[in-house]
């Protein structure tokens, strides 16, 4: 397995900014990729969040294995003692559930303000998560019907803009990027599968080859059947030849094939797949 070298140089700066953002909110909405509930989570998130109440959203659940998502809901709920809601950008049926849970989690803070003699205010929430788990799509989903941009808050950095979701919630309109250092190569490869790691950090053919190995183990014959390989070897070269993706000399265009295989997974064409098994 080729090593993925990816350690963003802006980690310290990003961590500082994230902590500043968290200091001014009441509720954290953490977004995970439903296909990678373990690999897309940040091991030290509790240290950053401290005692802030949290809601976990398993985003892109429309691309994930349904039964695995149900299992992960229970695992994460038991692990973090918080609500876990599957969601996706194409469906708004869960919108009221997300909003109501955010209001509920923020109420202790509002009650404490009132006890101190202060006026009640809207719950302040922010969305956090690793790169490309769909934070922006969640924010857009929440503010879709929001009409009022409330602007800067007193005592809060001017750059931080707020959107009033309803009279009871103000949402920080920029996502909190969890700075990621990835020392576990298995997780790094999985994050590359879902495009959460910049492509300049890895060799796409190497990643696609490991992806095929993973799928063959988790979902036997899926790759073989999808690409109609019959008795051909299940690898990038045989898929390229089968799809007639060739370069000069009638050789397999393995780079093009690798990109297409990953795209087929990322867009759901291979089916609803979860790469972090709940029983692991």
Protein backbone atom coordinates (compact mmCIF):
# COMPACT_ATOMS: atom_id res chain seq x y z
CA UNK A 1 0.00 0.00 0.00
CA UNK A 2 1.49 3.31 -1.09
CA UNK A 3 1.77 5.79 1.77
CA UNK A 4 -0.50 8.84 1.68
CA UNK A 5 1.52 11.83 2.85
CA UNK A 6 -0.97 14.39 4.02
CA UNK A 7 -0.49 16.67 6.94
CA UNK A 8 -1.90 20.15 6.28
CA UNK A 9 0.48 22.91 7.30
CA UNK A 10 -2.38 25.07 8.55
CA UNK A 11 -3.42 22.71 11.37
CA UNK A 12 -2.39 24.97 14.28
CA UNK A 13 -4.04 27.99 12.68
CA UNK A 14 -7.20 26.04 11.89
CA UNK A 15 -7.42 24.66 15.43
CA UNK A 16 -7.10 28.15 16.87
CA UNK A 17 -9.83 29.49 14.60
CA UNK A 18 -12.10 26.55 15.37
CA UNK A 19 -11.73 27.08 19.12
CA UNK A 20 -12.53 30.77 18.71
CA UNK A 21 -15.68 29.89 16.79
CA UNK A 22 -16.75 27.28 19.33
CA UNK A 23 -16.35 29.78 22.17
CA UNK A 24 -19.22 31.90 20.83
CA UNK A 25 -21.77 29.17 20.13
CA UNK A 26 -24.11 27.15 22.31
CA UNK A 27 -24.57 24.02 20.20
CA UNK A 28 -22.27 22.08 17.87
CA UNK A 29 -23.64 20.22 14.85
CA UNK A 30 -20.94 17.71 13.89
CA UNK A 31 -21.20 16.31 10.36
CA UNK A 32 -19.82 12.86 9.54
CA UNK A 33 -19.84 11.02 6.22
CA UNK A 34 -22.39 8.20 6.63
CA UNK A 35 -20.16 5.97 4.48
CA UNK A 36 -17.28 6.50 6.93
CA UNK A 37 -18.78 7.18 10.38
CA UNK A 38 -15.53 6.21 12.10
CA UNK A 39 -12.90 7.40 9.62
CA UNK A 40 -14.54 10.81 9.10
CA UNK A 41 -14.77 11.52 12.83
CA UNK A 42 -12.13 13.52 14.66
CA UNK A 43 -10.58 11.52 17.54
CA UNK A 44 -9.95 14.60 19.69
CA UNK A 45 -13.21 16.41 19.00
CA UNK A 46 -14.35 16.22 22.64
CA UNK A 47 -11.23 18.09 23.76
CA UNK A 48 -12.07 20.90 21.36
CA UNK A 49 -15.80 20.98 22.10
CA UNK A 50 -15.28 20.76 25.87
CA UNK A 51 -18.76 20.72 27.41
CA UNK A 52 -20.71 22.06 24.43
CA UNK A 53 -23.83 20.00 23.62
CA UNK A 54 -23.51 18.20 20.30
CA UNK A 55 -25.75 16.84 17.57
CA UNK A 56 -24.25 14.36 15.09
CA UNK A 57 -25.48 14.28 11.49
CA UNK A 58 -24.64 11.26 9.33
CA UNK A 59 -24.57 13.10 6.02
CA UNK A 60 -24.82 11.52 2.55
CA UNK A 61 -26.81 8.67 4.05
CA UNK A 62 -28.50 8.27 0.66
CA UNK A 63 -25.13 6.88 -0.55
CA UNK A 64 -24.58 4.63 2.49
CA UNK A 65 -25.66 1.10 3.36
CA UNK A 66 -29.05 1.44 5.11
CA UNK A 67 -28.52 -1.31 7.69
CA UNK A 68 -25.03 -0.09 8.52
CA UNK A 69 -26.34 3.45 9.05
CA UNK A 70 -28.91 2.16 11.55
CA UNK A 71 -26.18 0.32 13.46
CA UNK A 72 -23.91 3.37 13.46
CA UNK A 73 -26.72 5.54 14.80
CA UNK A 74 -26.89 3.39 17.91
CA UNK A 75 -23.11 3.06 18.28
CA UNK A 76 -22.52 6.82 18.07
CA UNK A 77 -25.48 7.63 20.31
CA UNK A 78 -24.14 5.29 23.00
CA UNK A 79 -20.56 6.49 22.56
CA UNK A 80 -21.16 10.23 22.70
CA UNK A 81 -24.52 10.33 24.55
CA UNK A 82 -26.04 12.58 21.93
CA UNK A 83 -28.67 12.48 19.20
CA UNK A 84 -27.58 11.07 15.82
CA UNK A 85 -29.63 11.92 12.72
CA UNK A 86 -29.05 10.56 9.19
CA UNK A 87 -29.42 13.27 6.56
CA UNK A 88 -28.65 14.23 2.96
CA UNK A 89 -28.77 17.42 0.94
CA UNK A 90 -31.47 16.15 -1.45
CA UNK A 91 -34.13 15.49 1.22
CA UNK A 92 -35.62 18.02 3.64
CA UNK A 93 -37.86 15.61 5.56
CA UNK A 94 -35.47 15.61 8.52
CA UNK A 95 -35.09 19.40 8.61
CA UNK A 96 -37.57 20.02 11.43
CA UNK A 97 -36.00 17.20 13.47
CA UNK A 98 -32.54 18.82 13.16
CA UNK A 99 -33.89 22.27 14.05
CA UNK A 100 -35.96 21.06 17.02
CA UNK A 101 -33.05 19.06 18.45
CA UNK A 102 -30.72 22.06 18.10
CA UNK A 103 -33.20 24.27 19.99
CA UNK A 104 -33.57 21.61 22.68
CA UNK A 105 -29.80 21.29 23.15
CA UNK A 106 -29.41 25.06 23.44
CA UNK A 107 -32.12 25.62 26.04
CA UNK A 108 -29.93 25.10 29.14
CA UNK A 109 -27.70 27.96 27.96
CA UNK A 110 -30.68 30.26 27.38
CA UNK A 111 -32.14 29.38 30.78
CA UNK A 112 -28.81 30.17 32.47
CA UNK A 113 -28.77 33.60 30.78
CA UNK A 114 -32.27 34.34 32.05
CA UNK A 115 -31.29 33.30 35.59
CA UNK A 116 -28.46 35.84 35.41
CA UNK A 117 -31.01 38.55 34.63
CA UNK A 118 -30.21 38.72 30.92
CA UNK A 119 -32.78 38.74 28.14
CA UNK A 120 -33.39 35.44 26.33
CA UNK A 121 -31.90 35.16 22.85
CA UNK A 122 -31.79 32.70 19.96
CA UNK A 123 -29.65 29.57 20.36
CA UNK A 124 -26.32 29.99 18.56
CA UNK A 125 -25.20 26.94 16.57
CA UNK A 126 -22.40 26.06 14.22
CA UNK A 127 -21.63 23.20 11.85
CA UNK A 128 -18.25 21.45 12.13
CA UNK A 129 -16.60 18.51 10.40
CA UNK A 130 -13.70 17.26 8.33
CA UNK A 131 -13.18 18.38 4.71
CA UNK A 132 -15.82 17.34 2.19
CA UNK A 133 -18.26 15.63 4.57
CA UNK A 134 -20.93 18.05 3.35
CA UNK A 135 -20.85 20.85 5.94
CA UNK A 136 -21.74 23.54 3.42
CA UNK A 137 -24.65 21.52 2.05
CA UNK A 138 -26.00 21.15 5.61
CA UNK A 139 -25.69 24.90 6.18
CA UNK A 140 -27.44 25.60 2.86
CA UNK A 141 -30.15 23.13 3.80
CA UNK A 142 -30.75 24.87 7.12
CA UNK A 143 -30.77 28.41 5.71
CA UNK A 144 -32.74 27.60 2.55
CA UNK A 145 -35.88 29.21 3.92
CA UNK A 146 -34.10 31.65 6.20
CA UNK A 147 -34.84 35.25 5.24
CA UNK A 148 -32.74 37.20 7.70
CA UNK A 149 -28.98 37.51 7.84
CA UNK A 150 -28.37 38.85 11.33
CA UNK A 151 -24.78 39.98 10.76
CA UNK A 152 -22.12 40.32 13.44
CA UNK A 153 -22.89 39.84 17.14
CA UNK A 154 -21.72 42.15 19.90
CA UNK A 155 -18.42 40.95 21.32
CA UNK A 156 -17.92 38.49 18.48
CA UNK A 157 -15.32 38.74 15.71
CA UNK A 158 -16.66 40.86 12.84
CA UNK A 159 -15.92 38.23 10.21
CA UNK A 160 -18.38 35.83 11.84
CA UNK A 161 -21.73 36.26 10.15
CA UNK A 162 -24.97 34.77 11.41
CA UNK A 163 -28.15 33.64 9.71
CA UNK A 164 -31.45 33.50 11.57
CA UNK A 165 -32.92 30.06 10.85
CA UNK A 166 -36.05 30.90 12.83
CA UNK A 167 -36.72 33.08 15.90
CA UNK A 168 -35.02 30.47 18.09
CA UNK A 169 -31.81 29.67 16.16
CA UNK A 170 -28.93 31.74 14.81
CA UNK A 171 -26.48 29.75 12.69
CA UNK A 172 -22.87 30.72 12.06
CA UNK A 173 -22.86 30.76 8.26
CA UNK A 174 -19.29 29.49 7.82
CA UNK A 175 -18.45 25.86 8.64
CA UNK A 176 -15.87 24.99 11.25
CA UNK A 177 -13.15 23.01 9.51
CA UNK A 178 -11.73 20.34 11.77
CA UNK A 179 -7.99 20.27 11.02
CA UNK A 180 -7.06 16.72 10.23
CA UNK A 181 -3.79 14.92 10.65
CA UNK A 182 -4.11 11.34 9.52
CA UNK A 183 -1.66 8.83 10.89
CA UNK A 184 -3.84 5.76 10.26
CA UNK A 185 -3.21 4.79 6.64
CA UNK A 186 -6.34 2.65 6.37
CA UNK A 187 -8.44 5.65 7.35
CA UNK A 188 -6.41 7.92 5.07
CA UNK A 189 -7.21 5.70 2.11
CA UNK A 190 -10.90 5.64 3.00
CA UNK A 191 -10.92 9.44 3.19
CA UNK A 192 -9.27 9.53 -0.23
CA UNK A 193 -12.04 7.23 -1.55
CA UNK A 194 -14.69 9.85 -0.63
CA UNK A 195 -12.54 12.76 -1.87
CA UNK A 196 -11.91 14.14 1.62
CA UNK A 197 -8.16 14.35 0.99
CA UNK A 198 -6.78 16.53 -1.78
CA UNK A 199 -5.84 14.48 -4.84
CA UNK A 200 -2.33 15.95 -4.93
CA UNK A 201 -1.60 13.99 -1.74
CA UNK A 202 -1.93 10.56 -3.30
CA UNK A 203 -1.56 8.47 -6.44
CA UNK A 204 -5.06 7.93 -7.81
CA UNK A 205 -4.26 4.51 -9.29
CA UNK A 206 -2.92 3.29 -5.96
CA UNK A 207 -6.04 4.57 -4.16
CA UNK A 208 -8.38 2.99 -6.71
CA UNK A 209 -6.54 -0.34 -6.39
CA UNK A 210 -6.97 -0.30 -2.59
CA UNK A 211 -10.60 0.74 -3.05
CA UNK A 212 -11.21 -2.36 -5.18
CA UNK A 213 -9.58 -4.52 -2.49
CA UNK A 214 -11.83 -2.97 0.18
CA UNK A 215 -15.02 -3.43 -1.84
CA UNK A 216 -14.13 -7.01 -2.76
CA UNK A 217 -13.80 -7.77 0.94
CA UNK A 218 -16.93 -5.93 2.09
CA UNK A 219 -19.20 -6.51 -0.91
CA UNK A 220 -17.92 -9.59 -2.79
CA UNK A 221 -18.58 -9.67 -6.55
CA UNK A 222 -19.97 -6.12 -6.62
CA UNK A 223 -17.08 -4.75 -8.72
CA UNK A 224 -17.03 -7.85 -10.91
CA UNK A 225 -20.75 -7.67 -11.63
CA UNK A 226 -20.95 -3.89 -12.06
CA UNK A 227 -18.14 -3.78 -14.63
CA UNK A 228 -19.19 -7.13 -16.20
CA UNK A 229 -15.76 -8.67 -15.80
CA UNK A 230 -16.97 -12.28 -16.16
CA UNK A 231 -13.83 -14.36 -15.68
CA UNK A 232 -11.42 -11.44 -16.03
CA UNK A 233 -9.20 -10.41 -13.09
CA UNK A 234 -10.85 -7.82 -10.83
CA UNK A 235 -8.40 -4.96 -11.18
CA UNK A 236 -8.01 -1.54 -12.80
CA UNK A 237 -6.42 -2.85 -15.99
CA UNK A 238 -9.16 -5.40 -16.71
CA UNK A 239 -11.88 -2.81 -16.04
CA UNK A 240 -10.17 -0.31 -18.38
CA UNK A 241 -9.98 -2.91 -21.16
CA UNK A 242 -13.59 -3.97 -20.60
CA UNK A 243 -14.74 -0.34 -20.84
CA UNK A 244 -12.47 0.28 -23.83
CA UNK A 245 -10.54 2.99 -21.98
CA UNK A 246 -7.30 2.67 -23.91
CA UNK A 247 -4.23 4.69 -24.79
CA UNK A 248 -1.81 4.33 -27.71
CA UNK A 249 -0.75 0.79 -28.38
CA UNK A 250 -4.13 -0.49 -27.17
CA UNK A 251 -2.87 -0.35 -23.60
CA UNK A 252 -5.24 0.14 -20.67
CA UNK A 253 -5.69 3.78 -19.63
CA UNK A 254 -5.37 2.94 -15.95
CA UNK A 255 -5.33 6.54 -14.72
CA UNK A 256 -8.61 7.37 -16.46
CA UNK A 257 -10.08 4.10 -15.25
CA UNK A 258 -9.02 4.74 -11.63
CA UNK A 259 -10.70 8.15 -11.68
CA UNK A 260 -13.91 6.68 -13.11
CA UNK A 261 -14.02 3.87 -10.55
CA UNK A 262 -13.78 6.38 -7.69
CA UNK A 263 -16.36 8.63 -9.34
CA UNK A 264 -18.73 5.67 -9.68
CA UNK A 265 -18.43 5.15 -5.94
CA UNK A 266 -18.63 8.82 -4.94
CA UNK A 267 -21.79 9.41 -6.97
CA UNK A 268 -23.53 6.25 -5.78
CA UNK A 269 -23.50 4.45 -9.11
CA UNK A 270 -21.96 1.40 -7.44
CA UNK A 271 -24.83 1.33 -4.94
CA UNK A 272 -25.28 2.27 -1.29
CA UNK A 273 -21.99 1.33 0.36
CA UNK A 274 -20.50 1.83 3.83
CA UNK A 275 -16.78 1.29 4.22
CA UNK A 276 -16.58 1.46 8.03
CA UNK A 277 -18.48 -1.62 9.18
CA UNK A 278 -20.37 -1.20 12.45
CA UNK A 279 -19.23 -4.60 13.71
CA UNK A 280 -15.60 -3.50 13.47
